[in-house]
Amino acid sequence: MIERIEHLAHVSVARGCGFAALGILTFFIGMSSDPVAAFKSAGYLTLLACTVLLLKAGLATRQPYRRTELWVMLKPDERPDAAVAQRLISTALREVYLRFARQAALLSVMFLACGILGGLAQA
């Protein structure tokens, strides 16, 4: 049961991050006429996504488990008892939010480094 909850937490957060990544990619491509600005913008937007993920991780323990997408994704026979559901679901979501936040932070650093190095190369 715990593995299923962790898997669905990953799917839920990955879906949201995928939509954010699609928006950032669209913005990046739209600015492709100025690569330095495109990389810097992508870096800042990815850093914003990282911040949102960190906030969501911090609030995960306060969000009622019945109001999460993860709870809806679980089949009725897979749902844990109310006594442990809050702890299991909030812990799984918090860990996944933090994992994705770390990845977004690394990606942000890479985008910003490309923008800075590109700006230095133009100078």
PDB file of N, CA and C in Angstrom:
ATOM      1  N   MET A   1       0.830  -1.198   0.000  1.00  0.00           N
ATOM      2  CA  MET A   1       0.000   0.000   0.000  1.00  0.00           C
ATOM      3  C   MET A   1       0.870   1.256   0.000  1.00  0.00           C
ATOM      4  N   ILE A   2       1.936   1.266   0.789  1.00  0.00           N
ATOM      5  CA  ILE A   2       2.797   2.439   0.876  1.00  0.00           C
ATOM      6  C   ILE A   2       3.483   2.707  -0.461  1.00  0.00           C
ATOM      7  N   GLU A   3       3.910   1.635  -1.141  1.00  0.00           N
ATOM      8  CA  GLU A   3       4.554   1.803  -2.444  1.00  0.00           C
ATOM      9  C   GLU A   3       3.592   2.416  -3.453  1.00  0.00           C
ATOM     10  N   ARG A   4       2.347   1.993  -3.402  1.00  0.00           N
ATOM     11  CA  ARG A   4       1.326   2.531  -4.311  1.00  0.00           C
ATOM     12  C   ARG A   4       1.090   4.016  -4.031  1.00  0.00           C
ATOM     13  N   ILE A   5       1.027   4.395  -2.774  1.00  0.00           N
ATOM     14  CA  ILE A   5       0.832   5.798  -2.413  1.00  0.00           C
ATOM     15  C   ILE A   5       2.021   6.627  -2.882  1.00  0.00           C
ATOM     16  N   GLU A   6       3.236   6.123  -2.685  1.00  0.00           N
ATOM     17  CA  GLU A   6       4.423   6.851  -3.129  1.00  0.00           C
ATOM     18  C   GLU A   6       4.445   6.989  -4.653  1.00  0.00           C
ATOM     19  N   HIS A   7       4.060   5.922  -5.347  1.00  0.00           N
ATOM     20  CA  HIS A   7       4.021   5.972  -6.818  1.00  0.00           C
ATOM     21  C   HIS A   7       3.000   7.003  -7.297  1.00  0.00           C
ATOM     22  N   LEU A   8       1.816   6.989  -6.726  1.00  0.00           N
ATOM     23  CA  LEU A   8       0.785   7.934  -7.148  1.00  0.00           C
ATOM     24  C   LEU A   8       1.133   9.366  -6.754  1.00  0.00           C
ATOM     25  N   ALA A   9       1.836   9.553  -5.646  1.00  0.00           N
ATOM     26  CA  ALA A   9       2.303  10.890  -5.274  1.00  0.00           C
ATOM     27  C   ALA A   9       3.275  11.399  -6.330  1.00  0.00           C
ATOM     28  N   HIS A  10       4.156  10.519  -6.780  1.00  0.00           N
ATOM     29  CA  HIS A  10       5.104  10.889  -7.836  1.00  0.00           C
ATOM     30  C   HIS A  10       4.370  11.256  -9.121  1.00  0.00           C
ATOM     31  N   VAL A  11       3.397  10.474  -9.494  1.00  0.00           N
ATOM     32  CA  VAL A  11       2.615  10.745 -10.710  1.00  0.00           C
ATOM     33  C   VAL A  11       1.890  12.088 -10.596  1.00  0.00           C
ATOM     34  N   SER A  12       1.288  12.341  -9.456  1.00  0.00           N
ATOM     35  CA  SER A  12       0.530  13.567  -9.247  1.00  0.00           C
ATOM     36  C   SER A  12       1.413  14.806  -9.345  1.00  0.00           C
ATOM     37  N   VAL A  13       2.547  14.786  -8.649  1.00  0.00           N
ATOM     38  CA  VAL A  13       3.446  15.942  -8.659  1.00  0.00           C
ATOM     39  C   VAL A  13       4.130  16.072 -10.020  1.00  0.00           C
ATOM     40  N   ALA A  14       4.502  14.956 -10.619  1.00  0.00           N
ATOM     41  CA  ALA A  14       5.148  14.996 -11.934  1.00  0.00           C
ATOM     42  C   ALA A  14       4.216  15.597 -12.989  1.00  0.00           C
ATOM     43  N   ARG A  15       2.947  15.317 -12.891  1.00  0.00           N
ATOM     44  CA  ARG A  15       1.984  15.877 -13.838  1.00  0.00           C
ATOM     45  C   ARG A  15       1.963  17.404 -13.722  1.00  0.00           C
ATOM     46  N   GLY A  16       1.884  17.908 -12.514  1.00  0.00           N
ATOM     47  CA  GLY A  16       1.887  19.351 -12.314  1.00  0.00           C
ATOM     48  C   GLY A  16       3.184  19.994 -12.770  1.00  0.00           C
ATOM     49  N   CYS A  17       4.298  19.347 -12.464  1.00  0.00           N
ATOM     50  CA  CYS A  17       5.598  19.874 -12.894  1.00  0.00           C
ATOM     51  C   CYS A  17       5.742  19.820 -14.417  1.00  0.00           C
ATOM     52  N   GLY A  18       5.147  18.825 -15.015  1.00  0.00           N
ATOM     53  CA  GLY A  18       5.180  18.730 -16.477  1.00  0.00           C
ATOM     54  C   GLY A  18       4.470  19.900 -17.132  1.00  0.00           C
ATOM     55  N   PHE A  19       3.340  20.299 -16.571  1.00  0.00           N
ATOM     56  CA  PHE A  19       2.639  21.466 -17.115  1.00  0.00           C
ATOM     57  C   PHE A  19       3.458  22.735 -16.922  1.00  0.00           C
ATOM     58  N   ALA A  20       4.102  22.870 -15.766  1.00  0.00           N
ATOM     59  CA  ALA A  20       4.964  24.032 -15.529  1.00  0.00           C
ATOM     60  C   ALA A  20       6.141  24.018 -16.498  1.00  0.00           C
ATOM     61  N   ALA A  21       6.726  22.853 -16.716  1.00  0.00           N
ATOM     62  CA  ALA A  21       7.849  22.732 -17.652  1.00  0.00           C
ATOM     63  C   ALA A  21       7.426  23.081 -19.075  1.00  0.00           C
ATOM     64  N   LEU A  22       6.227  22.681 -19.442  1.00  0.00           N
ATOM     65  CA  LEU A  22       5.717  23.020 -20.775  1.00  0.00           C
ATOM     66  C   LEU A  22       5.587  24.534 -20.935  1.00  0.00           C
ATOM     67  N   GLY A  23       5.095  25.209 -19.904  1.00  0.00           N
ATOM     68  CA  GLY A  23       4.993  26.665 -19.949  1.00  0.00           C
ATOM     69  C   GLY A  23       6.352  27.331 -20.036  1.00  0.00           C
ATOM     70  N   ILE A  24       7.308  26.834 -19.256  1.00  0.00           N
ATOM     71  CA  ILE A  24       8.665  27.403 -19.273  1.00  0.00           C
ATOM     72  C   ILE A  24       9.311  27.154 -20.634  1.00  0.00           C
ATOM     73  N   LEU A  25       9.145  25.962 -21.181  1.00  0.00           N
ATOM     74  CA  LEU A  25       9.696  25.647 -22.497  1.00  0.00           C
ATOM     75  C   LEU A  25       9.097  26.538 -23.580  1.00  0.00           C
ATOM     76  N   THR A  26       7.802  26.762 -23.514  1.00  0.00           N
ATOM     77  CA  THR A  26       7.140  27.632 -24.487  1.00  0.00           C
ATOM     78  C   THR A  26       7.702  29.047 -24.399  1.00  0.00           C
ATOM     79  N   PHE A  27       7.881  29.537 -23.189  1.00  0.00           N
ATOM     80  CA  PHE A  27       8.458  30.866 -22.984  1.00  0.00           C
ATOM     81  C   PHE A  27       9.887  30.909 -23.512  1.00  0.00           C
ATOM     82  N   PHE A  28      10.659  29.853 -23.235  1.00  0.00           N
ATOM     83  CA  PHE A  28      12.042  29.743 -23.680  1.00  0.00           C
ATOM     84  C   PHE A  28      12.122  29.794 -25.208  1.00  0.00           C
ATOM     85  N   ILE A  29      11.286  29.026 -25.867  1.00  0.00           N
ATOM     86  CA  ILE A  29      11.287  28.999 -27.337  1.00  0.00           C
ATOM     87  C   ILE A  29      10.834  30.340 -27.892  1.00  0.00           C
ATOM     88  N   GLY A  30       9.880  30.970 -27.239  1.00  0.00           N
ATOM     89  CA  GLY A  30       9.410  32.277 -27.692  1.00  0.00           C
ATOM     90  C   GLY A  30      10.487  33.343 -27.627  1.00  0.00           C
ATOM     91  N   MET A  31      11.448  33.165 -26.750  1.00  0.00           N
ATOM     92  CA  MET A  31      12.537  34.133 -26.613  1.00  0.00           C
ATOM     93  C   MET A  31      13.806  33.672 -27.320  1.00  0.00           C
ATOM     94  N   SER A  32      13.698  32.708 -28.196  1.00  0.00           N
ATOM     95  CA  SER A  32      14.885  32.115 -28.812  1.00  0.00           C
ATOM     96  C   SER A  32      15.688  33.091 -29.674  1.00  0.00           C
ATOM     97  N   SER A  33      15.109  34.237 -30.011  1.00  0.00           N
ATOM     98  CA  SER A  33      15.877  35.217 -30.785  1.00  0.00           C
ATOM     99  C   SER A  33      16.980  35.850 -29.934  1.00  0.00           C
ATOM    100  N   ASP A  34      16.860  35.776 -28.614  1.00  0.00           N
ATOM    101  CA  ASP A  34      17.885  36.263 -27.690  1.00  0.00           C
ATOM    102  C   ASP A  34      18.211  35.135 -26.713  1.00  0.00           C
ATOM    103  N   PRO A  35      19.172  34.271 -27.080  1.00  0.00           N
ATOM    104  CA  PRO A  35      19.455  33.083 -26.259  1.00  0.00           C
ATOM    105  C   PRO A  35      19.852  33.398 -24.815  1.00  0.00           C
ATOM    106  N   VAL A  36      20.611  34.454 -24.603  1.00  0.00           N
ATOM    107  CA  VAL A  36      21.031  34.787 -23.243  1.00  0.00           C
ATOM    108  C   VAL A  36      19.805  35.105 -22.383  1.00  0.00           C
ATOM    109  N   ALA A  37      18.922  35.934 -22.897  1.00  0.00           N
ATOM    110  CA  ALA A  37      17.700  36.283 -22.159  1.00  0.00           C
ATOM    111  C   ALA A  37      16.804  35.060 -21.995  1.00  0.00           C
ATOM    112  N   ALA A  38      16.770  34.196 -22.996  1.00  0.00           N
ATOM    113  CA  ALA A  38      15.948  32.989 -22.923  1.00  0.00           C
ATOM    114  C   ALA A  38      16.435  32.081 -21.797  1.00  0.00           C
ATOM    115  N   PHE A  39      17.754  31.865 -21.722  1.00  0.00           N
ATOM    116  CA  PHE A  39      18.292  31.005 -20.660  1.00  0.00           C
ATOM    117  C   PHE A  39      18.081  31.621 -19.282  1.00  0.00           C
ATOM    118  N   LYS A  40      18.311  32.929 -19.171  1.00  0.00           N
ATOM    119  CA  LYS A  40      18.106  33.571 -17.868  1.00  0.00           C
ATOM    120  C   LYS A  40      16.640  33.520 -17.451  1.00  0.00           C
ATOM    121  N   SER A  41      15.739  33.775 -18.389  1.00  0.00           N
ATOM    122  CA  SER A  41      14.301  33.715 -18.083  1.00  0.00           C
ATOM    123  C   SER A  41      13.891  32.312 -17.665  1.00  0.00           C
ATOM    124  N   ALA A  42      14.376  31.323 -18.389  1.00  0.00           N
ATOM    125  CA  ALA A  42      14.066  29.931 -18.038  1.00  0.00           C
ATOM    126  C   ALA A  42      14.612  29.606 -16.646  1.00  0.00           C
ATOM    127  N   GLY A  43      15.789  30.131 -16.332  1.00  0.00           N
ATOM    128  CA  GLY A  43      16.372  29.907 -15.016  1.00  0.00           C
ATOM    129  C   GLY A  43      15.535  30.512 -13.905  1.00  0.00           C
ATOM    130  N   TYR A  44      15.090  31.753 -14.106  1.00  0.00           N
ATOM    131  CA  TYR A  44      14.265  32.407 -13.088  1.00  0.00           C
ATOM    132  C   TYR A  44      12.892  31.749 -12.953  1.00  0.00           C
ATOM    133  N   LEU A  45      12.305  31.352 -14.075  1.00  0.00           N
ATOM    134  CA  LEU A  45      11.002  30.683 -14.011  1.00  0.00           C
ATOM    135  C   LEU A  45      11.109  29.311 -13.340  1.00  0.00           C
ATOM    136  N   THR A  46      12.198  28.610 -13.607  1.00  0.00           N
ATOM    137  CA  THR A  46      12.404  27.314 -12.962  1.00  0.00           C
ATOM    138  C   THR A  46      12.658  27.506 -11.468  1.00  0.00           C
ATOM    139  N   LEU A  47      13.344  28.583 -11.113  1.00  0.00           N
ATOM    140  CA  LEU A  47      13.546  28.900  -9.702  1.00  0.00           C
ATOM    141  C   LEU A  47      12.212  29.230  -9.029  1.00  0.00           C
ATOM    142  N   LEU A  48      11.333  29.902  -9.749  1.00  0.00           N
ATOM    143  CA  LEU A  48       9.992  30.166  -9.230  1.00  0.00           C
ATOM    144  C   LEU A  48       9.233  28.851  -9.001  1.00  0.00           C
ATOM    145  N   ALA A  49       9.343  27.928  -9.956  1.00  0.00           N
ATOM    146  CA  ALA A  49       8.702  26.615  -9.803  1.00  0.00           C
ATOM    147  C   ALA A  49       9.281  25.878  -8.590  1.00  0.00           C
ATOM    148  N   CYS A  50      10.585  25.992  -8.384  1.00  0.00           N
ATOM    149  CA  CYS A  50      11.230  25.381  -7.216  1.00  0.00           C
ATOM    150  C   CYS A  50      10.660  25.961  -5.928  1.00  0.00           C
ATOM    151  N   THR A  51      10.483  27.274  -5.904  1.00  0.00           N
ATOM    152  CA  THR A  51       9.929  27.936  -4.717  1.00  0.00           C
ATOM    153  C   THR A  51       8.509  27.449  -4.437  1.00  0.00           C
ATOM    154  N   VAL A  52       7.709  27.329  -5.470  1.00  0.00           N
ATOM    155  CA  VAL A  52       6.337  26.835  -5.301  1.00  0.00           C
ATOM    156  C   VAL A  52       6.355  25.405  -4.752  1.00  0.00           C
ATOM    157  N   LEU A  53       7.248  24.578  -5.268  1.00  0.00           N
ATOM    158  CA  LEU A  53       7.344  23.198  -4.781  1.00  0.00           C
ATOM    159  C   LEU A  53       7.772  23.156  -3.312  1.00  0.00           C
ATOM    160  N   LEU A  54       8.681  24.038  -2.921  1.00  0.00           N
ATOM    161  CA  LEU A  54       9.093  24.096  -1.517  1.00  0.00           C
ATOM    162  C   LEU A  54       7.939  24.542  -0.625  1.00  0.00           C
ATOM    163  N   LEU A  55       7.159  25.504  -1.099  1.00  0.00           N
ATOM    164  CA  LEU A  55       5.986  25.936  -0.336  1.00  0.00           C
ATOM    165  C   LEU A  55       4.971  24.807  -0.212  1.00  0.00           C
ATOM    166  N   LYS A  56       4.735  24.102  -1.318  1.00  0.00           N
ATOM    167  CA  LYS A  56       3.797  22.979  -1.287  1.00  0.00           C
ATOM    168  C   LYS A  56       4.283  21.888  -0.326  1.00  0.00           C
ATOM    169  N   ALA A  57       5.595  21.661  -0.292  1.00  0.00           N
ATOM    170  CA  ALA A  57       6.148  20.663   0.634  1.00  0.00           C
ATOM    171  C   ALA A  57       5.917  21.094   2.076  1.00  0.00           C
ATOM    172  N   GLY A  58       6.097  22.373   2.338  1.00  0.00           N
ATOM    173  CA  GLY A  58       5.877  22.872   3.691  1.00  0.00           C
ATOM    174  C   GLY A  58       4.427  22.799   4.133  1.00  0.00           C
ATOM    175  N   LEU A  59       3.527  22.944   3.188  1.00  0.00           N
ATOM    176  CA  LEU A  59       2.094  22.926   3.507  1.00  0.00           C
ATOM    177  C   LEU A  59       1.467  21.534   3.405  1.00  0.00           C
ATOM    178  N   ALA A  60       2.231  20.560   2.936  1.00  0.00           N
ATOM    179  CA  ALA A  60       1.683  19.214   2.704  1.00  0.00           C
ATOM    180  C   ALA A  60       1.109  18.587   3.970  1.00  0.00           C
ATOM    181  N   THR A  61       1.730  18.840   5.103  1.00  0.00           N
ATOM    182  CA  THR A  61       1.246  18.208   6.336  1.00  0.00           C
ATOM    183  C   THR A  61      -0.031  18.863   6.853  1.00  0.00           C
ATOM    184  N   ARG A  62      -0.314  20.076   6.400  1.00  0.00           N
ATOM    185  CA  ARG A  62      -1.516  20.781   6.859  1.00  0.00           C
ATOM    186  C   ARG A  62      -2.723  20.559   5.956  1.00  0.00           C
ATOM    187  N   GLN A  63      -2.481  20.089   4.743  1.00  0.00           N
ATOM    188  CA  GLN A  63      -3.577  19.893   3.802  1.00  0.00           C
ATOM    189  C   GLN A  63      -4.339  18.614   4.152  1.00  0.00           C
ATOM    190  N   PRO A  64      -5.665  18.705   4.268  1.00  0.00           N
ATOM    191  CA  PRO A  64      -6.448  17.496   4.558  1.00  0.00           C
ATOM    192  C   PRO A  64      -6.272  16.449   3.454  1.00  0.00           C
ATOM    193  N   TYR A  65      -6.010  15.225   3.838  1.00  0.00           N
ATOM    194  CA  TYR A  65      -5.710  14.176   2.863  1.00  0.00           C
ATOM    195  C   TYR A  65      -6.851  13.947   1.883  1.00  0.00           C
ATOM    196  N   ARG A  66      -8.087  14.170   2.296  1.00  0.00           N
ATOM    197  CA  ARG A  66      -9.233  13.943   1.407  1.00  0.00           C
ATOM    198  C   ARG A  66      -9.321  14.982   0.290  1.00  0.00           C
ATOM    199  N   ARG A  67      -8.592  16.081   0.417  1.00  0.00           N
ATOM    200  CA  ARG A  67      -8.630  17.134  -0.596  1.00  0.00           C
ATOM    201  C   ARG A  67      -7.430  17.070  -1.538  1.00  0.00           C
ATOM    202  N   THR A  68      -6.684  15.983  -1.499  1.00  0.00           N
ATOM    203  CA  THR A  68      -5.521  15.844  -2.371  1.00  0.00           C
ATOM    204  C   THR A  68      -5.877  15.035  -3.619  1.00  0.00           C
ATOM    205  N   GLU A  69      -5.153  15.310  -4.681  1.00  0.00           N
ATOM    206  CA  GLU A  69      -5.337  14.532  -5.906  1.00  0.00           C
ATOM    207  C   GLU A  69      -4.934  13.078  -5.668  1.00  0.00           C
ATOM    208  N   LEU A  70      -3.964  12.882  -4.820  1.00  0.00           N
ATOM    209  CA  LEU A  70      -3.502  11.537  -4.502  1.00  0.00           C
ATOM    210  C   LEU A  70      -4.622  10.680  -3.914  1.00  0.00           C
ATOM    211  N   TRP A  71      -5.414  11.247  -3.028  1.00  0.00           N
ATOM    212  CA  TRP A  71      -6.540  10.515  -2.428  1.00  0.00           C
ATOM    213  C   TRP A  71      -7.543  10.117  -3.500  1.00  0.00           C
ATOM    214  N   VAL A  72      -7.798  11.011  -4.430  1.00  0.00           N
ATOM    215  CA  VAL A  72      -8.753  10.728  -5.509  1.00  0.00           C
ATOM    216  C   VAL A  72      -8.205   9.639  -6.438  1.00  0.00           C
ATOM    217  N   MET A  73      -6.898   9.627  -6.634  1.00  0.00           N
ATOM    218  CA  MET A  73      -6.284   8.644  -7.525  1.00  0.00           C
ATOM    219  C   MET A  73      -6.305   7.231  -6.935  1.00  0.00           C
ATOM    220  N   LEU A  74      -6.362   7.131  -5.614  1.00  0.00           N
ATOM    221  CA  LEU A  74      -6.412   5.812  -4.981  1.00  0.00           C
ATOM    222  C   LEU A  74      -7.789   5.183  -5.180  1.00  0.00           C
ATOM    223  N   LYS A  75      -7.802   3.905  -5.501  1.00  0.00           N
ATOM    224  CA  LYS A  75      -9.074   3.188  -5.581  1.00  0.00           C
ATOM    225  C   LYS A  75      -9.626   3.048  -4.167  1.00  0.00           C
ATOM    226  N   PRO A  76     -10.939   2.982  -4.034  1.00  0.00           N
ATOM    227  CA  PRO A  76     -11.524   2.886  -2.682  1.00  0.00           C
ATOM    228  C   PRO A  76     -10.952   1.753  -1.829  1.00  0.00           C
ATOM    229  N   ASP A  77     -10.631   0.630  -2.458  1.00  0.00           N
ATOM    230  CA  ASP A  77     -10.080  -0.490  -1.673  1.00  0.00           C
ATOM    231  C   ASP A  77      -8.592  -0.301  -1.343  1.00  0.00           C
ATOM    232  N   GLU A  78      -7.932   0.696  -1.969  1.00  0.00           N
ATOM    233  CA  GLU A  78      -6.521   0.978  -1.692  1.00  0.00           C
ATOM    234  C   GLU A  78      -6.339   2.052  -0.627  1.00  0.00           C
ATOM    235  N   ARG A  79      -7.401   2.733  -0.290  1.00  0.00           N
ATOM    236  CA  ARG A  79      -7.315   3.854   0.641  1.00  0.00           C
ATOM    237  C   ARG A  79      -7.071   3.360   2.070  1.00  0.00           C
ATOM    238  N   PRO A  80      -6.090   3.970   2.745  1.00  0.00           N
ATOM    239  CA  PRO A  80      -5.826   3.573   4.137  1.00  0.00           C
ATOM    240  C   PRO A  80      -6.899   4.116   5.075  1.00  0.00           C
ATOM    241  N   ASP A  81      -6.907   3.592   6.274  1.00  0.00           N
ATOM    242  CA  ASP A  81      -7.842   4.076   7.293  1.00  0.00           C
ATOM    243  C   ASP A  81      -7.556   5.532   7.602  1.00  0.00           C
ATOM    244  N   ALA A  82      -8.579   6.233   8.024  1.00  0.00           N
ATOM    245  CA  ALA A  82      -8.454   7.663   8.317  1.00  0.00           C
ATOM    246  C   ALA A  82      -7.384   7.928   9.377  1.00  0.00           C
ATOM    247  N   ALA A  83      -7.174   6.979  10.266  1.00  0.00           N
ATOM    248  CA  ALA A  83      -6.210   7.171  11.351  1.00  0.00           C
ATOM    249  C   ALA A  83      -4.778   7.335  10.836  1.00  0.00           C
ATOM    250  N   VAL A  84      -4.456   6.677   9.732  1.00  0.00           N
ATOM    251  CA  VAL A  84      -3.093   6.754   9.193  1.00  0.00           C
ATOM    252  C   VAL A  84      -3.010   7.459   7.846  1.00  0.00           C
ATOM    253  N   ALA A  85      -4.137   7.711   7.225  1.00  0.00           N
ATOM    254  CA  ALA A  85      -4.146   8.297   5.882  1.00  0.00           C
ATOM    255  C   ALA A  85      -3.471   9.658   5.846  1.00  0.00           C
ATOM    256  N   GLN A  86      -3.766  10.508   6.821  1.00  0.00           N
ATOM    257  CA  GLN A  86      -3.175  11.849   6.832  1.00  0.00           C
ATOM    258  C   GLN A  86      -1.649  11.779   6.875  1.00  0.00           C
ATOM    259  N   ARG A  87      -1.136  10.931   7.739  1.00  0.00           N
ATOM    260  CA  ARG A  87       0.316  10.824   7.889  1.00  0.00           C
ATOM    261  C   ARG A  87       0.960  10.231   6.640  1.00  0.00           C
ATOM    262  N   LEU A  88       0.403   9.156   6.099  1.00  0.00           N
ATOM    263  CA  LEU A  88       0.981   8.507   4.921  1.00  0.00           C
ATOM    264  C   LEU A  88       0.956   9.417   3.695  1.00  0.00           C
ATOM    265  N   ILE A  89      -0.181  10.011   3.438  1.00  0.00           N
ATOM    266  CA  ILE A  89      -0.340  10.820   2.230  1.00  0.00           C
ATOM    267  C   ILE A  89       0.470  12.106   2.324  1.00  0.00           C
ATOM    268  N   SER A  90       0.416  12.783   3.450  1.00  0.00           N
ATOM    269  CA  SER A  90       1.156  14.039   3.565  1.00  0.00           C
ATOM    270  C   SER A  90       2.657  13.798   3.533  1.00  0.00           C
ATOM    271  N   THR A  91       3.119  12.709   4.132  1.00  0.00           N
ATOM    272  CA  THR A  91       4.549  12.392   4.101  1.00  0.00           C
ATOM    273  C   THR A  91       5.002  12.059   2.687  1.00  0.00           C
ATOM    274  N   ALA A  92       4.223  11.267   1.984  1.00  0.00           N
ATOM    275  CA  ALA A  92       4.581  10.907   0.603  1.00  0.00           C
ATOM    276  C   ALA A  92       4.618  12.145  -0.282  1.00  0.00           C
ATOM    277  N   LEU A  93       3.609  12.998  -0.168  1.00  0.00           N
ATOM    278  CA  LEU A  93       3.587  14.213  -0.991  1.00  0.00           C
ATOM    279  C   LEU A  93       4.747  15.136  -0.646  1.00  0.00           C
ATOM    280  N   ARG A  94       5.029  15.283   0.639  1.00  0.00           N
ATOM    281  CA  ARG A  94       6.123  16.164   1.059  1.00  0.00           C
ATOM    282  C   ARG A  94       7.450  15.695   0.477  1.00  0.00           C
ATOM    283  N   GLU A  95       7.725  14.400   0.552  1.00  0.00           N
ATOM    284  CA  GLU A  95       8.982  13.862   0.023  1.00  0.00           C
ATOM    285  C   GLU A  95       9.088  14.065  -1.484  1.00  0.00           C
ATOM    286  N   VAL A  96       7.992  13.865  -2.191  1.00  0.00           N
ATOM    287  CA  VAL A  96       8.022  14.021  -3.644  1.00  0.00           C
ATOM    288  C   VAL A  96       8.161  15.495  -4.024  1.00  0.00           C
ATOM    289  N   TYR A  97       7.458  16.384  -3.333  1.00  0.00           N
ATOM    290  CA  TYR A  97       7.628  17.814  -3.590  1.00  0.00           C
ATOM    291  C   TYR A  97       9.084  18.232  -3.402  1.00  0.00           C
ATOM    292  N   LEU A  98       9.710  17.756  -2.336  1.00  0.00           N
ATOM    293  CA  LEU A  98      11.105  18.115  -2.075  1.00  0.00           C
ATOM    294  C   LEU A  98      12.049  17.535  -3.130  1.00  0.00           C
ATOM    295  N   ARG A  99      11.774  16.323  -3.579  1.00  0.00           N
ATOM    296  CA  ARG A  99      12.606  15.711  -4.624  1.00  0.00           C
ATOM    297  C   ARG A  99      12.513  16.521  -5.922  1.00  0.00           C
ATOM    298  N   PHE A 100      11.312  16.911  -6.306  1.00  0.00           N
ATOM    299  CA  PHE A 100      11.144  17.701  -7.516  1.00  0.00           C
ATOM    300  C   PHE A 100      11.703  19.114  -7.342  1.00  0.00           C
ATOM    301  N   ALA A 101      11.630  19.656  -6.137  1.00  0.00           N
ATOM    302  CA  ALA A 101      12.200  20.983  -5.875  1.00  0.00           C
ATOM    303  C   ALA A 101      13.717  20.952  -6.053  1.00  0.00           C
ATOM    304  N   ARG A 102      14.360  19.889  -5.578  1.00  0.00           N
ATOM    305  CA  ARG A 102      15.813  19.754  -5.774  1.00  0.00           C
ATOM    306  C   ARG A 102      16.157  19.691  -7.254  1.00  0.00           C
ATOM    307  N   GLN A 103      15.383  18.933  -8.011  1.00  0.00           N
ATOM    308  CA  GLN A 103      15.645  18.825  -9.445  1.00  0.00           C
ATOM    309  C   GLN A 103      15.416  20.161 -10.145  1.00  0.00           C
ATOM    310  N   ALA A 104      14.386  20.886  -9.739  1.00  0.00           N
ATOM    311  CA  ALA A 104      14.125  22.200 -10.329  1.00  0.00           C
ATOM    312  C   ALA A 104      15.240  23.172  -9.980  1.00  0.00           C
ATOM    313  N   ALA A 105      15.761  23.096  -8.766  1.00  0.00           N
ATOM    314  CA  ALA A 105      16.863  23.973  -8.367  1.00  0.00           C
ATOM    315  C   ALA A 105      18.100  23.707  -9.222  1.00  0.00           C
ATOM    316  N   LEU A 106      18.409  22.443  -9.440  1.00  0.00           N
ATOM    317  CA  LEU A 106      19.559  22.099 -10.285  1.00  0.00           C
ATOM    318  C   LEU A 106      19.359  22.570 -11.715  1.00  0.00           C
ATOM    319  N   LEU A 107      18.181  22.370 -12.237  1.00  0.00           N
ATOM    320  CA  LEU A 107      17.882  22.820 -13.595  1.00  0.00           C
ATOM    321  C   LEU A 107      17.966  24.341 -13.698  1.00  0.00           C
ATOM    322  N   SER A 108      17.500  25.026 -12.671  1.00  0.00           N
ATOM    323  CA  SER A 108      17.571  26.483 -12.640  1.00  0.00           C
ATOM    324  C   SER A 108      19.013  26.960 -12.667  1.00  0.00           C
ATOM    325  N   VAL A 109      19.861  26.314 -11.885  1.00  0.00           N
ATOM    326  CA  VAL A 109      21.284  26.672 -11.869  1.00  0.00           C
ATOM    327  C   VAL A 109      21.898  26.470 -13.250  1.00  0.00           C
ATOM    328  N   MET A 110      21.544  25.377 -13.904  1.00  0.00           N
ATOM    329  CA  MET A 110      22.092  25.122 -15.243  1.00  0.00           C
ATOM    330  C   MET A 110      21.626  26.179 -16.238  1.00  0.00           C
ATOM    331  N   PHE A 111      20.346  26.524 -16.225  1.00  0.00           N
ATOM    332  CA  PHE A 111      19.839  27.562 -17.120  1.00  0.00           C
ATOM    333  C   PHE A 111      20.531  28.895 -16.857  1.00  0.00           C
ATOM    334  N   LEU A 112      20.616  29.275 -15.590  1.00  0.00           N
ATOM    335  CA  LEU A 112      21.237  30.552 -15.252  1.00  0.00           C
ATOM    336  C   LEU A 112      22.720  30.567 -15.610  1.00  0.00           C
ATOM    337  N   ALA A 113      23.416  29.462 -15.397  1.00  0.00           N
ATOM    338  CA  ALA A 113      24.834  29.382 -15.770  1.00  0.00           C
ATOM    339  C   ALA A 113      24.990  29.537 -17.274  1.00  0.00           C
ATOM    340  N   CYS A 114      24.131  28.915 -18.051  1.00  0.00           N
ATOM    341  CA  CYS A 114      24.200  29.070 -19.516  1.00  0.00           C
ATOM    342  C   CYS A 114      23.948  30.520 -19.907  1.00  0.00           C
ATOM    343  N   GLY A 115      22.991  31.163 -19.240  1.00  0.00           N
ATOM    344  CA  GLY A 115      22.716  32.563 -19.536  1.00  0.00           C
ATOM    345  C   GLY A 115      23.881  33.467 -19.175  1.00  0.00           C
ATOM    346  N   ILE A 116      24.501  33.228 -18.040  1.00  0.00           N
ATOM    347  CA  ILE A 116      25.632  34.055 -17.616  1.00  0.00           C
ATOM    348  C   ILE A 116      26.839  33.819 -18.524  1.00  0.00           C
ATOM    349  N   LEU A 117      27.117  32.562 -18.787  1.00  0.00           N
ATOM    350  CA  LEU A 117      28.261  32.251 -19.670  1.00  0.00           C
ATOM    351  C   LEU A 117      28.034  32.772 -21.081  1.00  0.00           C
ATOM    352  N   GLY A 118      26.808  32.676 -21.549  1.00  0.00           N
ATOM    353  CA  GLY A 118      26.476  33.216 -22.869  1.00  0.00           C
ATOM    354  C   GLY A 118      26.634  34.721 -22.913  1.00  0.00           C
ATOM    355  N   GLY A 119      26.256  35.397 -21.819  1.00  0.00           N
ATOM    356  CA  GLY A 119      26.421  36.846 -21.747  1.00  0.00           C
ATOM    357  C   GLY A 119      27.890  37.243 -21.727  1.00  0.00           C
ATOM    358  N   LEU A 120      28.706  36.456 -21.037  1.00  0.00           N
ATOM    359  CA  LEU A 120      30.152  36.729 -20.997  1.00  0.00           C
ATOM    360  C   LEU A 120      30.785  36.507 -22.366  1.00  0.00           C
ATOM    361  N   ALA A 121      30.301  35.496 -23.095  1.00  0.00           N
ATOM    362  CA  ALA A 121      30.839  35.214 -24.414  1.00  0.00           C
ATOM    363  C   ALA A 121      30.500  36.315 -25.404  1.00  0.00           C
ATOM    364  N   GLN A 122      29.353  36.961 -25.221  1.00  0.00           N
ATOM    365  CA  GLN A 122      28.951  38.054 -26.123  1.00  0.00           C
ATOM    366  C   GLN A 122      29.738  39.328 -25.854  1.00  0.00           C
ATOM    367  N   ALA A 123      30.207  39.493 -24.614  1.00  0.00           N
ATOM    368  CA  ALA A 123      30.897  40.738 -24.246  1.00  0.00           C
ATOM    369  C   ALA A 123      32.266  40.862 -24.815  1.00  0.00           C
TER     370      ALA A 123
END
